Amino acid sequence: MAGIIKANINLNNIPKEKIYKGKKGNYLTLAITVNDEPDQFGNQGPVIVDQTKEEREAKADKTYLGNVKVVWTNGTFPEPNFGDTPVTQQKPKVEAEDLPF
């Protein structure tokens, strides 16, 4: 494994027409960008709703959902800025999450 990424998304921004039915449930395809350097808030990239080829060609506005942070890496992923603590010694925080749908 190269890394663990933590993401926060705003569920209110999910366009309902982009949710599709699959064999095991309802799905939404996302696109996540991981930048080499974190921004001023420590985020390393955005989470957006994936666009179709036609939407990309038409330069349609992207639906921004939130941000990602790299919280662990084995050294082959962009390094998060944790100060003097080596990234490989960081342990991911496991949290139980309840989804509203």
N, C-alpha and C. Protein backbone atom coordinates (compact mmCIF):
# COMPACT_ATOMS: atom_id res chain seq x y z
N MET A 1 0.85 -1.17 0.00
CA MET A 1 0.00 0.00 0.00
C MET A 1 0.89 1.23 0.00
N ALA A 2 0.54 2.20 -0.79
CA ALA A 2 1.33 3.42 -0.90
C ALA A 2 0.88 4.50 0.06
N GLY A 3 -0.39 4.51 0.45
CA GLY A 3 -0.84 5.56 1.33
C GLY A 3 -2.28 5.44 1.74
N ILE A 4 -2.65 6.22 2.73
CA ILE A 4 -4.03 6.31 3.17
C ILE A 4 -4.44 7.77 3.04
N ILE A 5 -5.59 7.98 2.42
CA ILE A 5 -6.12 9.32 2.20
C ILE A 5 -7.41 9.48 2.99
N LYS A 6 -7.53 10.58 3.69
CA LYS A 6 -8.75 10.93 4.42
C LYS A 6 -9.48 11.99 3.61
N ALA A 7 -10.79 11.83 3.43
CA ALA A 7 -11.57 12.79 2.66
C ALA A 7 -12.79 13.24 3.45
N ASN A 8 -13.12 14.50 3.29
CA ASN A 8 -14.35 15.07 3.83
C ASN A 8 -15.14 15.60 2.66
N ILE A 9 -16.41 15.17 2.55
CA ILE A 9 -17.23 15.68 1.46
C ILE A 9 -18.54 16.23 2.00
N ASN A 10 -19.09 17.17 1.27
CA ASN A 10 -20.37 17.77 1.61
C ASN A 10 -21.45 16.98 0.88
N LEU A 11 -22.21 16.18 1.61
CA LEU A 11 -23.24 15.34 1.00
C LEU A 11 -24.35 16.16 0.36
N ASN A 12 -24.54 17.39 0.82
CA ASN A 12 -25.58 18.25 0.23
C ASN A 12 -25.26 18.66 -1.20
N ASN A 13 -23.98 18.59 -1.59
CA ASN A 13 -23.58 19.00 -2.94
C ASN A 13 -23.66 17.88 -3.97
N ILE A 14 -24.01 16.67 -3.55
CA ILE A 14 -24.07 15.54 -4.49
C ILE A 14 -25.28 15.71 -5.40
N PRO A 15 -25.05 15.81 -6.71
CA PRO A 15 -26.18 15.91 -7.64
C PRO A 15 -26.87 14.55 -7.75
N LYS A 16 -28.14 14.51 -7.43
CA LYS A 16 -28.90 13.25 -7.41
C LYS A 16 -28.88 12.54 -8.76
N GLU A 17 -28.82 13.31 -9.86
CA GLU A 17 -28.83 12.70 -11.19
C GLU A 17 -27.53 11.96 -11.51
N LYS A 18 -26.49 12.16 -10.71
CA LYS A 18 -25.21 11.49 -10.92
C LYS A 18 -25.13 10.16 -10.15
N ILE A 19 -26.09 9.90 -9.27
CA ILE A 19 -26.12 8.65 -8.53
C ILE A 19 -26.73 7.59 -9.45
N TYR A 20 -26.06 6.45 -9.55
CA TYR A 20 -26.57 5.39 -10.42
C TYR A 20 -26.69 4.08 -9.66
N LYS A 21 -27.58 3.23 -10.15
CA LYS A 21 -27.85 1.94 -9.52
C LYS A 21 -26.88 0.90 -10.05
N GLY A 22 -26.23 0.19 -9.14
CA GLY A 22 -25.33 -0.90 -9.48
C GLY A 22 -25.88 -2.21 -8.94
N LYS A 23 -25.14 -3.27 -9.11
CA LYS A 23 -25.58 -4.58 -8.65
C LYS A 23 -25.73 -4.67 -7.14
N LYS A 24 -24.92 -3.93 -6.40
CA LYS A 24 -24.92 -4.04 -4.95
C LYS A 24 -25.36 -2.77 -4.24
N GLY A 25 -25.90 -1.80 -4.97
CA GLY A 25 -26.34 -0.57 -4.32
C GLY A 25 -26.28 0.62 -5.24
N ASN A 26 -26.36 1.79 -4.65
CA ASN A 26 -26.30 3.04 -5.40
C ASN A 26 -24.88 3.60 -5.32
N TYR A 27 -24.41 4.16 -6.44
CA TYR A 27 -23.03 4.60 -6.55
C TYR A 27 -22.93 6.03 -7.08
N LEU A 28 -21.80 6.65 -6.78
CA LEU A 28 -21.44 7.96 -7.31
C LEU A 28 -19.96 7.90 -7.63
N THR A 29 -19.60 8.20 -8.87
CA THR A 29 -18.19 8.17 -9.26
C THR A 29 -17.55 9.51 -8.93
N LEU A 30 -16.45 9.45 -8.19
CA LEU A 30 -15.73 10.65 -7.77
C LEU A 30 -14.39 10.73 -8.47
N ALA A 31 -13.84 11.92 -8.54
CA ALA A 31 -12.48 12.13 -9.01
C ALA A 31 -11.73 12.82 -7.88
N ILE A 32 -10.57 12.27 -7.52
CA ILE A 32 -9.78 12.81 -6.43
C ILE A 32 -8.40 13.17 -6.97
N THR A 33 -7.98 14.39 -6.71
CA THR A 33 -6.66 14.84 -7.11
C THR A 33 -5.79 14.93 -5.87
N VAL A 34 -4.57 14.37 -5.95
CA VAL A 34 -3.62 14.47 -4.84
C VAL A 34 -2.44 15.30 -5.35
N ASN A 35 -2.30 16.49 -4.79
CA ASN A 35 -1.22 17.40 -5.18
C ASN A 35 0.06 17.06 -4.41
N ASP A 36 1.19 17.50 -4.95
CA ASP A 36 2.47 17.26 -4.30
C ASP A 36 2.63 18.03 -3.00
N GLU A 37 2.04 19.21 -2.93
CA GLU A 37 2.18 20.07 -1.76
C GLU A 37 0.81 20.39 -1.18
N PRO A 38 0.69 20.41 0.16
CA PRO A 38 -0.59 20.78 0.77
C PRO A 38 -0.87 22.28 0.62
N ASP A 39 -2.15 22.64 0.66
CA ASP A 39 -2.52 24.05 0.60
C ASP A 39 -2.37 24.68 1.99
N GLN A 40 -2.83 25.91 2.14
CA GLN A 40 -2.68 26.63 3.40
C GLN A 40 -3.43 25.99 4.56
N PHE A 41 -4.40 25.09 4.26
CA PHE A 41 -5.17 24.41 5.29
C PHE A 41 -4.70 22.97 5.53
N GLY A 42 -3.64 22.56 4.83
CA GLY A 42 -3.14 21.20 4.96
C GLY A 42 -3.81 20.20 4.05
N ASN A 43 -4.73 20.66 3.21
CA ASN A 43 -5.39 19.77 2.25
C ASN A 43 -4.48 19.53 1.06
N GLN A 44 -4.53 18.32 0.53
CA GLN A 44 -3.66 17.98 -0.59
C GLN A 44 -4.40 17.83 -1.90
N GLY A 45 -5.68 18.12 -1.93
CA GLY A 45 -6.40 18.07 -3.19
C GLY A 45 -7.90 18.08 -3.00
N PRO A 46 -8.61 18.26 -4.11
CA PRO A 46 -10.07 18.30 -4.07
C PRO A 46 -10.71 16.95 -4.38
N VAL A 47 -11.96 16.82 -3.96
CA VAL A 47 -12.82 15.70 -4.35
C VAL A 47 -13.94 16.32 -5.17
N ILE A 48 -14.12 15.83 -6.41
CA ILE A 48 -15.19 16.34 -7.27
C ILE A 48 -16.00 15.17 -7.79
N VAL A 49 -17.20 15.47 -8.27
CA VAL A 49 -18.01 14.47 -8.97
C VAL A 49 -17.37 14.28 -10.33
N ASP A 50 -17.13 13.01 -10.70
CA ASP A 50 -16.49 12.72 -11.97
C ASP A 50 -17.35 13.26 -13.12
N GLN A 51 -16.69 13.79 -14.14
CA GLN A 51 -17.39 14.34 -15.30
C GLN A 51 -17.32 13.36 -16.47
N THR A 52 -18.34 13.40 -17.30
CA THR A 52 -18.33 12.62 -18.52
C THR A 52 -17.38 13.28 -19.52
N LYS A 53 -17.04 12.56 -20.55
CA LYS A 53 -16.17 13.11 -21.60
C LYS A 53 -16.81 14.36 -22.20
N GLU A 54 -18.12 14.31 -22.42
CA GLU A 54 -18.84 15.45 -23.00
C GLU A 54 -18.79 16.66 -22.07
N GLU A 55 -18.93 16.43 -20.77
CA GLU A 55 -18.86 17.54 -19.81
C GLU A 55 -17.46 18.15 -19.79
N ARG A 56 -16.44 17.32 -19.85
CA ARG A 56 -15.07 17.84 -19.87
C ARG A 56 -14.82 18.64 -21.14
N GLU A 57 -15.25 18.11 -22.29
CA GLU A 57 -15.05 18.80 -23.56
C GLU A 57 -15.80 20.13 -23.61
N ALA A 58 -16.97 20.17 -22.98
CA ALA A 58 -17.77 21.40 -22.95
C ALA A 58 -17.29 22.36 -21.86
N LYS A 59 -16.25 21.95 -21.12
CA LYS A 59 -15.71 22.76 -20.02
C LYS A 59 -16.78 23.12 -18.99
N ALA A 60 -17.65 22.12 -18.70
CA ALA A 60 -18.72 22.31 -17.71
C ALA A 60 -18.10 22.52 -16.32
N ASP A 61 -18.79 23.29 -15.50
CA ASP A 61 -18.33 23.52 -14.13
C ASP A 61 -18.24 22.19 -13.39
N LYS A 62 -17.22 22.06 -12.55
CA LYS A 62 -17.04 20.87 -11.74
C LYS A 62 -17.88 20.99 -10.47
N THR A 63 -18.38 19.85 -9.99
CA THR A 63 -19.11 19.82 -8.73
C THR A 63 -18.13 19.45 -7.63
N TYR A 64 -17.73 20.45 -6.87
CA TYR A 64 -16.75 20.31 -5.79
C TYR A 64 -17.46 19.76 -4.56
N LEU A 65 -16.92 18.68 -3.98
CA LEU A 65 -17.53 18.06 -2.81
C LEU A 65 -16.72 18.25 -1.53
N GLY A 66 -15.42 18.38 -1.64
CA GLY A 66 -14.61 18.50 -0.44
C GLY A 66 -13.12 18.39 -0.72
N ASN A 67 -12.37 17.98 0.30
CA ASN A 67 -10.91 17.94 0.24
C ASN A 67 -10.37 16.60 0.73
N VAL A 68 -9.12 16.33 0.36
CA VAL A 68 -8.43 15.14 0.85
C VAL A 68 -7.13 15.53 1.53
N LYS A 69 -6.71 14.68 2.47
CA LYS A 69 -5.41 14.79 3.13
C LYS A 69 -4.78 13.42 3.14
N VAL A 70 -3.50 13.35 2.85
CA VAL A 70 -2.77 12.10 2.99
C VAL A 70 -2.42 11.98 4.47
N VAL A 71 -2.89 10.90 5.12
CA VAL A 71 -2.65 10.74 6.55
C VAL A 71 -1.60 9.68 6.85
N TRP A 72 -1.22 8.86 5.86
CA TRP A 72 -0.16 7.88 6.04
C TRP A 72 0.42 7.55 4.67
N THR A 73 1.71 7.34 4.62
CA THR A 73 2.35 6.93 3.38
C THR A 73 3.56 6.06 3.69
N ASN A 74 3.88 5.16 2.76
CA ASN A 74 5.08 4.35 2.92
C ASN A 74 6.26 4.98 2.21
N GLY A 75 6.10 6.21 1.76
CA GLY A 75 7.17 6.94 1.11
C GLY A 75 7.00 7.06 -0.39
N THR A 76 6.03 6.38 -0.96
CA THR A 76 5.84 6.47 -2.41
C THR A 76 4.66 7.36 -2.76
N PHE A 77 4.07 7.97 -1.78
CA PHE A 77 2.93 8.86 -1.95
C PHE A 77 3.39 10.27 -1.60
N PRO A 78 2.71 11.32 -2.07
CA PRO A 78 3.10 12.67 -1.64
C PRO A 78 3.10 12.77 -0.12
N GLU A 79 4.15 13.32 0.42
CA GLU A 79 4.31 13.40 1.87
C GLU A 79 3.43 14.49 2.48
N PRO A 80 2.59 14.14 3.47
CA PRO A 80 1.86 15.18 4.19
C PRO A 80 2.81 15.96 5.08
N ASN A 81 2.42 17.15 5.47
CA ASN A 81 3.27 17.99 6.29
C ASN A 81 2.88 17.82 7.75
N PHE A 82 3.60 16.92 8.46
CA PHE A 82 3.34 16.67 9.87
C PHE A 82 4.43 17.26 10.75
N GLY A 83 5.24 18.13 10.22
CA GLY A 83 6.32 18.71 11.01
C GLY A 83 7.48 17.74 11.13
N ASP A 84 7.99 17.53 12.34
CA ASP A 84 9.17 16.69 12.54
C ASP A 84 8.85 15.20 12.66
N THR A 85 7.57 14.82 12.75
CA THR A 85 7.21 13.42 12.92
C THR A 85 7.26 12.70 11.59
N PRO A 86 8.02 11.60 11.47
CA PRO A 86 8.05 10.86 10.20
C PRO A 86 6.66 10.33 9.86
N VAL A 87 6.30 10.45 8.59
CA VAL A 87 4.97 10.06 8.14
C VAL A 87 4.72 8.58 8.35
N THR A 88 5.71 7.74 8.13
CA THR A 88 5.51 6.30 8.23
C THR A 88 5.19 5.85 9.64
N GLN A 89 5.38 6.72 10.64
CA GLN A 89 5.04 6.36 12.01
C GLN A 89 3.63 6.81 12.39
N GLN A 90 2.96 7.54 11.51
CA GLN A 90 1.60 7.97 11.79
C GLN A 90 0.65 6.78 11.67
N LYS A 91 -0.26 6.64 12.60
CA LYS A 91 -1.26 5.58 12.53
C LYS A 91 -2.60 6.22 12.18
N PRO A 92 -3.33 5.63 11.22
CA PRO A 92 -4.61 6.22 10.85
C PRO A 92 -5.60 6.12 12.01
N LYS A 93 -6.39 7.15 12.16
CA LYS A 93 -7.43 7.18 13.18
C LYS A 93 -8.66 6.49 12.62
N VAL A 94 -9.15 5.48 13.29
CA VAL A 94 -10.33 4.75 12.82
C VAL A 94 -11.54 5.32 13.54
N GLU A 95 -12.52 5.72 12.76
CA GLU A 95 -13.73 6.30 13.32
C GLU A 95 -14.94 5.60 12.73
N ALA A 96 -15.95 5.37 13.55
CA ALA A 96 -17.21 4.85 13.04
C ALA A 96 -17.98 6.02 12.44
N GLU A 97 -18.48 5.81 11.25
CA GLU A 97 -19.20 6.89 10.58
C GLU A 97 -20.60 6.44 10.22
N ASP A 98 -21.55 7.29 10.46
CA ASP A 98 -22.93 7.02 10.07
C ASP A 98 -23.27 7.89 8.88
N LEU A 99 -23.71 7.28 7.82
CA LEU A 99 -24.12 8.04 6.64
C LEU A 99 -25.60 8.34 6.72
N PRO A 100 -26.02 9.50 6.28
CA PRO A 100 -27.43 9.88 6.38
C PRO A 100 -28.31 9.26 5.32
N PHE A 101 -27.77 8.35 4.51
CA PHE A 101 -28.59 7.69 3.49
C PHE A 101 -28.25 6.23 3.39
